[in-house]
Each structure stands twice: as C-alpha cells, then as structure tokens.
Amino acid sequence: MIGDGGGDLKAVKANKGLFYPTPPGKEKEAWEKFPEAFQKFIEIKYKGEFEDKLLEIFDKSLLTSPPWQQANYNHIDSYKEKQEIRKSLYKKFNPQGKLLVL
C-alpha cells in the first residue's frame, strides 16, 4: 500500500501488508525513489531493512500533536515560515486575490 498518513500505515500493518510512505512535505522525493522501492518489492527484498528505514523516516515526519499545542508555539512565526509559498501560490492561481503578508 502507498500512503501518506499514520492511519494508512496502521491499516496495512493490521492486514500484514507492506507500506510505501509518501511523507508529508517530501512527496516529490518519495515518488522519485518509488521505482527503486518497486524493484525491491518485485525482487522480494522490500520487507525488512528497506521498508524499516522508510518507515523510520516516515514516522519522524508525522505530527504527534498539532503545532499550536506545542510549547512555545508562535502563530506569527509559523505564518511567516510558509509565507513565500503562499505568495507564489497566490501569484500563480489567484493573482487578484488579497494575501496577508507579515
């Protein structure tokens, strides 16, 4: 199974399946590496060390709690962190739209 969330992983493991993660924020890299993973799957070399390494990376990418519930969370800093992405998306998809820039 291919998935991007903890629920996907739980579902496939409950059914004794294999999981190829597409970690949040790293989807492009995951899809670029998919041919190698698929080849390992075909060669019956996916299960074990290879999958375990992918799952370790995936686990680190998942939030254990929402950012705003974490100590010292600052909503202004969080907004600024993604501001350049928002600006480029507005420019491309909604050039007449209004965007708050801090």
N, C-alpha and C. Protein backbone atom coordinates (compact mmCIF):
# COMPACT_ATOMS: atom_id res chain seq x y z
N MET A 1 0.84 -1.17 0.00
CA MET A 1 0.00 0.00 0.00
C MET A 1 0.88 1.24 0.00
N ILE A 2 0.45 2.26 -0.70
CA ILE A 2 1.12 3.55 -0.71
C ILE A 2 0.25 4.51 0.09
N GLY A 3 0.86 5.27 0.99
CA GLY A 3 0.07 6.19 1.79
C GLY A 3 0.88 7.32 2.37
N ASP A 4 0.13 8.29 2.92
CA ASP A 4 0.78 9.49 3.47
C ASP A 4 0.36 9.80 4.90
N GLY A 5 -0.29 8.87 5.55
CA GLY A 5 -0.74 9.14 6.92
C GLY A 5 -0.56 7.95 7.83
N GLY A 6 -0.56 8.25 9.12
CA GLY A 6 -0.42 7.19 10.11
C GLY A 6 -1.54 6.16 10.04
N GLY A 7 -2.74 6.61 9.69
CA GLY A 7 -3.87 5.69 9.55
C GLY A 7 -3.67 4.69 8.43
N ASP A 8 -3.04 5.15 7.34
CA ASP A 8 -2.73 4.25 6.22
C ASP A 8 -1.78 3.15 6.68
N LEU A 9 -0.76 3.56 7.40
CA LEU A 9 0.23 2.59 7.90
C LEU A 9 -0.42 1.59 8.85
N LYS A 10 -1.24 2.07 9.77
CA LYS A 10 -1.91 1.16 10.72
C LYS A 10 -2.80 0.16 9.99
N ALA A 11 -3.52 0.64 8.99
CA ALA A 11 -4.44 -0.24 8.25
C ALA A 11 -3.69 -1.35 7.54
N VAL A 12 -2.61 -1.00 6.86
CA VAL A 12 -1.89 -2.03 6.10
C VAL A 12 -1.18 -3.01 7.03
N LYS A 13 -0.65 -2.52 8.14
CA LYS A 13 0.05 -3.41 9.06
C LYS A 13 -0.94 -4.32 9.80
N ALA A 14 -2.15 -3.83 10.04
CA ALA A 14 -3.19 -4.67 10.65
C ALA A 14 -3.54 -5.85 9.75
N ASN A 15 -3.28 -5.68 8.46
CA ASN A 15 -3.56 -6.74 7.49
C ASN A 15 -2.29 -7.41 6.99
N LYS A 16 -1.19 -7.20 7.73
CA LYS A 16 0.09 -7.83 7.44
C LYS A 16 0.64 -7.50 6.05
N GLY A 17 0.40 -6.26 5.62
CA GLY A 17 0.87 -5.82 4.32
C GLY A 17 2.14 -4.99 4.42
N LEU A 18 2.64 -4.60 3.26
CA LEU A 18 3.80 -3.73 3.17
C LEU A 18 3.34 -2.31 2.87
N PHE A 19 4.15 -1.35 3.25
CA PHE A 19 3.76 0.06 3.13
C PHE A 19 4.88 0.87 2.50
N TYR A 20 4.51 1.65 1.49
CA TYR A 20 5.45 2.62 0.91
C TYR A 20 4.95 4.01 1.28
N PRO A 21 5.69 4.71 2.15
CA PRO A 21 5.23 6.01 2.60
C PRO A 21 5.59 7.15 1.64
N THR A 22 4.68 8.12 1.58
CA THR A 22 4.97 9.39 0.92
C THR A 22 4.85 10.44 2.02
N PRO A 23 5.96 10.69 2.73
CA PRO A 23 5.92 11.58 3.90
C PRO A 23 5.44 12.99 3.56
N PRO A 24 4.63 13.57 4.43
CA PRO A 24 4.17 14.93 4.21
C PRO A 24 5.36 15.88 4.02
N GLY A 25 5.29 16.67 2.96
CA GLY A 25 6.36 17.61 2.65
C GLY A 25 7.48 17.00 1.84
N LYS A 26 7.50 15.69 1.68
CA LYS A 26 8.56 15.02 0.93
C LYS A 26 7.98 14.12 -0.15
N GLU A 27 6.80 14.49 -0.63
CA GLU A 27 6.11 13.66 -1.63
C GLU A 27 6.92 13.51 -2.91
N LYS A 28 7.49 14.61 -3.39
CA LYS A 28 8.25 14.57 -4.65
C LYS A 28 9.42 13.58 -4.55
N GLU A 29 10.17 13.67 -3.45
CA GLU A 29 11.30 12.76 -3.26
C GLU A 29 10.83 11.31 -3.17
N ALA A 30 9.70 11.10 -2.50
CA ALA A 30 9.17 9.74 -2.36
C ALA A 30 8.83 9.15 -3.72
N TRP A 31 8.19 9.94 -4.58
CA TRP A 31 7.82 9.44 -5.90
C TRP A 31 9.04 9.24 -6.79
N GLU A 32 10.07 10.05 -6.59
CA GLU A 32 11.30 9.86 -7.36
C GLU A 32 12.00 8.55 -6.97
N LYS A 33 11.86 8.16 -5.71
CA LYS A 33 12.50 6.93 -5.21
C LYS A 33 11.62 5.70 -5.38
N PHE A 34 10.38 5.90 -5.81
CA PHE A 34 9.45 4.77 -5.92
C PHE A 34 9.94 3.66 -6.85
N PRO A 35 10.53 3.98 -8.02
CA PRO A 35 10.98 2.87 -8.89
C PRO A 35 11.95 1.92 -8.19
N GLU A 36 12.85 2.46 -7.38
CA GLU A 36 13.78 1.60 -6.64
C GLU A 36 13.02 0.71 -5.65
N ALA A 37 12.07 1.31 -4.95
CA ALA A 37 11.28 0.54 -3.98
C ALA A 37 10.46 -0.54 -4.68
N PHE A 38 9.88 -0.19 -5.81
CA PHE A 38 9.08 -1.17 -6.55
C PHE A 38 9.95 -2.33 -7.03
N GLN A 39 11.16 -2.03 -7.46
CA GLN A 39 12.08 -3.08 -7.90
C GLN A 39 12.40 -4.01 -6.73
N LYS A 40 12.63 -3.44 -5.55
CA LYS A 40 12.89 -4.27 -4.37
C LYS A 40 11.68 -5.13 -4.05
N PHE A 41 10.48 -4.57 -4.22
CA PHE A 41 9.25 -5.32 -3.99
C PHE A 41 9.17 -6.51 -4.94
N ILE A 42 9.43 -6.28 -6.21
CA ILE A 42 9.39 -7.34 -7.23
C ILE A 42 10.40 -8.44 -6.91
N GLU A 43 11.57 -8.02 -6.42
CA GLU A 43 12.64 -8.97 -6.10
C GLU A 43 12.48 -9.60 -4.71
N ILE A 44 11.37 -9.29 -4.05
CA ILE A 44 11.07 -9.77 -2.69
C ILE A 44 12.19 -9.36 -1.71
N LYS A 45 12.66 -8.12 -1.86
CA LYS A 45 13.68 -7.56 -0.97
C LYS A 45 13.19 -6.30 -0.27
N TYR A 46 11.91 -6.02 -0.38
CA TYR A 46 11.35 -4.80 0.21
C TYR A 46 11.14 -4.93 1.71
N LYS A 47 10.53 -6.05 2.11
CA LYS A 47 10.22 -6.29 3.52
C LYS A 47 11.51 -6.39 4.33
N GLY A 48 11.49 -5.80 5.51
CA GLY A 48 12.67 -5.87 6.37
C GLY A 48 13.42 -4.56 6.40
N GLU A 49 14.72 -4.64 6.22
CA GLU A 49 15.59 -3.47 6.38
C GLU A 49 15.18 -2.28 5.50
N PHE A 50 14.85 -2.54 4.23
CA PHE A 50 14.50 -1.45 3.31
C PHE A 50 13.22 -0.74 3.77
N GLU A 51 12.16 -1.51 4.02
CA GLU A 51 10.90 -0.91 4.47
C GLU A 51 11.08 -0.25 5.84
N ASP A 52 11.81 -0.89 6.73
CA ASP A 52 12.02 -0.34 8.07
C ASP A 52 12.66 1.04 8.02
N LYS A 53 13.62 1.21 7.14
CA LYS A 53 14.29 2.51 7.01
C LYS A 53 13.30 3.57 6.52
N LEU A 54 12.48 3.23 5.53
CA LEU A 54 11.47 4.16 5.03
C LEU A 54 10.47 4.52 6.13
N LEU A 55 10.07 3.54 6.90
CA LEU A 55 9.09 3.78 7.97
C LEU A 55 9.67 4.64 9.09
N GLU A 56 10.95 4.50 9.34
CA GLU A 56 11.60 5.34 10.35
C GLU A 56 11.57 6.81 9.93
N ILE A 57 11.89 7.07 8.68
CA ILE A 57 11.84 8.44 8.14
C ILE A 57 10.41 8.96 8.17
N PHE A 58 9.48 8.11 7.76
CA PHE A 58 8.06 8.47 7.73
C PHE A 58 7.57 8.83 9.13
N ASP A 59 7.91 8.02 10.11
CA ASP A 59 7.46 8.24 11.48
C ASP A 59 7.91 9.61 11.99
N LYS A 60 9.12 10.01 11.64
CA LYS A 60 9.64 11.31 12.08
C LYS A 60 8.90 12.48 11.42
N SER A 61 8.27 12.23 10.28
CA SER A 61 7.58 13.30 9.56
C SER A 61 6.16 13.53 10.08
N LEU A 62 5.63 12.59 10.84
CA LEU A 62 4.25 12.70 11.33
C LEU A 62 4.19 13.54 12.60
N LEU A 63 3.18 14.37 12.70
CA LEU A 63 2.98 15.17 13.90
C LEU A 63 2.40 14.30 15.01
N THR A 64 2.91 14.47 16.21
CA THR A 64 2.34 13.75 17.34
C THR A 64 1.24 14.59 17.99
N SER A 65 1.31 15.90 17.79
CA SER A 65 0.25 16.80 18.25
C SER A 65 0.27 18.03 17.34
N PRO A 66 -0.84 18.73 17.25
CA PRO A 66 -0.87 19.92 16.40
C PRO A 66 0.18 20.94 16.87
N PRO A 67 0.80 21.65 15.95
CA PRO A 67 1.86 22.60 16.33
C PRO A 67 1.41 23.61 17.39
N TRP A 68 0.15 24.06 17.29
CA TRP A 68 -0.31 25.09 18.22
C TRP A 68 -0.47 24.57 19.65
N GLN A 69 -0.38 23.25 19.83
CA GLN A 69 -0.45 22.69 21.18
C GLN A 69 0.94 22.47 21.78
N GLN A 70 1.97 22.73 21.00
CA GLN A 70 3.33 22.52 21.48
C GLN A 70 3.82 23.75 22.24
N ALA A 71 4.71 23.52 23.18
CA ALA A 71 5.25 24.62 23.99
C ALA A 71 5.96 25.64 23.09
N ASN A 72 5.83 26.89 23.44
CA ASN A 72 6.49 28.00 22.75
C ASN A 72 6.04 28.19 21.31
N TYR A 73 4.88 27.69 20.94
CA TYR A 73 4.37 27.89 19.58
C TYR A 73 4.05 29.37 19.38
N ASN A 74 4.46 29.90 18.24
CA ASN A 74 4.19 31.29 17.91
C ASN A 74 3.49 31.32 16.56
N HIS A 75 2.23 31.71 16.54
CA HIS A 75 1.46 31.66 15.30
C HIS A 75 1.99 32.62 14.25
N ILE A 76 2.58 33.73 14.65
CA ILE A 76 3.13 34.68 13.67
C ILE A 76 4.36 34.07 13.00
N ASP A 77 5.25 33.48 13.78
CA ASP A 77 6.43 32.83 13.19
C ASP A 77 6.01 31.69 12.27
N SER A 78 5.01 30.94 12.69
CA SER A 78 4.52 29.84 11.87
C SER A 78 3.97 30.34 10.54
N TYR A 79 3.23 31.43 10.59
CA TYR A 79 2.67 32.02 9.37
C TYR A 79 3.79 32.50 8.45
N LYS A 80 4.78 33.18 9.03
CA LYS A 80 5.90 33.70 8.23
C LYS A 80 6.70 32.57 7.58
N GLU A 81 6.79 31.46 8.26
CA GLU A 81 7.56 30.31 7.76
C GLU A 81 7.06 29.84 6.39
N LYS A 82 5.76 29.91 6.17
CA LYS A 82 5.17 29.44 4.91
C LYS A 82 4.77 30.60 3.99
N GLN A 83 5.17 31.80 4.33
CA GLN A 83 4.73 32.98 3.59
C GLN A 83 5.18 32.97 2.12
N GLU A 84 6.40 32.59 1.84
CA GLU A 84 6.88 32.61 0.45
C GLU A 84 6.11 31.62 -0.42
N ILE A 85 5.76 30.49 0.16
CA ILE A 85 4.96 29.51 -0.58
C ILE A 85 3.59 30.10 -0.89
N ARG A 86 2.97 30.72 0.12
CA ARG A 86 1.66 31.35 -0.10
C ARG A 86 1.73 32.41 -1.19
N LYS A 87 2.77 33.24 -1.15
CA LYS A 87 2.91 34.31 -2.14
C LYS A 87 3.01 33.74 -3.56
N SER A 88 3.80 32.70 -3.72
CA SER A 88 3.95 32.12 -5.06
C SER A 88 2.65 31.46 -5.53
N LEU A 89 1.93 30.81 -4.62
CA LEU A 89 0.65 30.20 -5.00
C LEU A 89 -0.39 31.26 -5.36
N TYR A 90 -0.43 32.34 -4.59
CA TYR A 90 -1.37 33.42 -4.92
C TYR A 90 -1.03 34.02 -6.28
N LYS A 91 0.26 34.23 -6.53
CA LYS A 91 0.68 34.82 -7.81
C LYS A 91 0.26 33.93 -8.97
N LYS A 92 0.38 32.63 -8.79
CA LYS A 92 0.06 31.70 -9.87
C LYS A 92 -1.44 31.46 -10.02
N PHE A 93 -2.14 31.23 -8.93
CA PHE A 93 -3.53 30.78 -9.01
C PHE A 93 -4.58 31.85 -8.70
N ASN A 94 -4.17 32.90 -8.02
CA ASN A 94 -5.14 33.92 -7.62
C ASN A 94 -4.47 35.30 -7.61
N PRO A 95 -3.97 35.75 -8.77
CA PRO A 95 -3.19 36.99 -8.80
C PRO A 95 -3.96 38.22 -8.35
N GLN A 96 -5.28 38.19 -8.44
CA GLN A 96 -6.08 39.34 -7.99
C GLN A 96 -6.49 39.22 -6.52
N GLY A 97 -6.17 38.09 -5.90
CA GLY A 97 -6.56 37.87 -4.51
C GLY A 97 -5.76 38.70 -3.53
N LYS A 98 -6.25 38.78 -2.32
CA LYS A 98 -5.57 39.52 -1.26
C LYS A 98 -4.94 38.53 -0.29
N LEU A 99 -3.69 38.79 0.03
CA LEU A 99 -2.94 37.91 0.92
C LEU A 99 -2.32 38.74 2.03
N LEU A 100 -2.46 38.30 3.25
CA LEU A 100 -1.82 38.96 4.37
C LEU A 100 -0.34 38.62 4.35
N VAL A 101 0.50 39.65 4.25
CA VAL A 101 1.95 39.46 4.26
C VAL A 101 2.50 40.11 5.52
N LEU A 102 3.23 39.34 6.31
CA LEU A 102 3.80 39.86 7.56
C LEU A 102 5.27 40.17 7.39
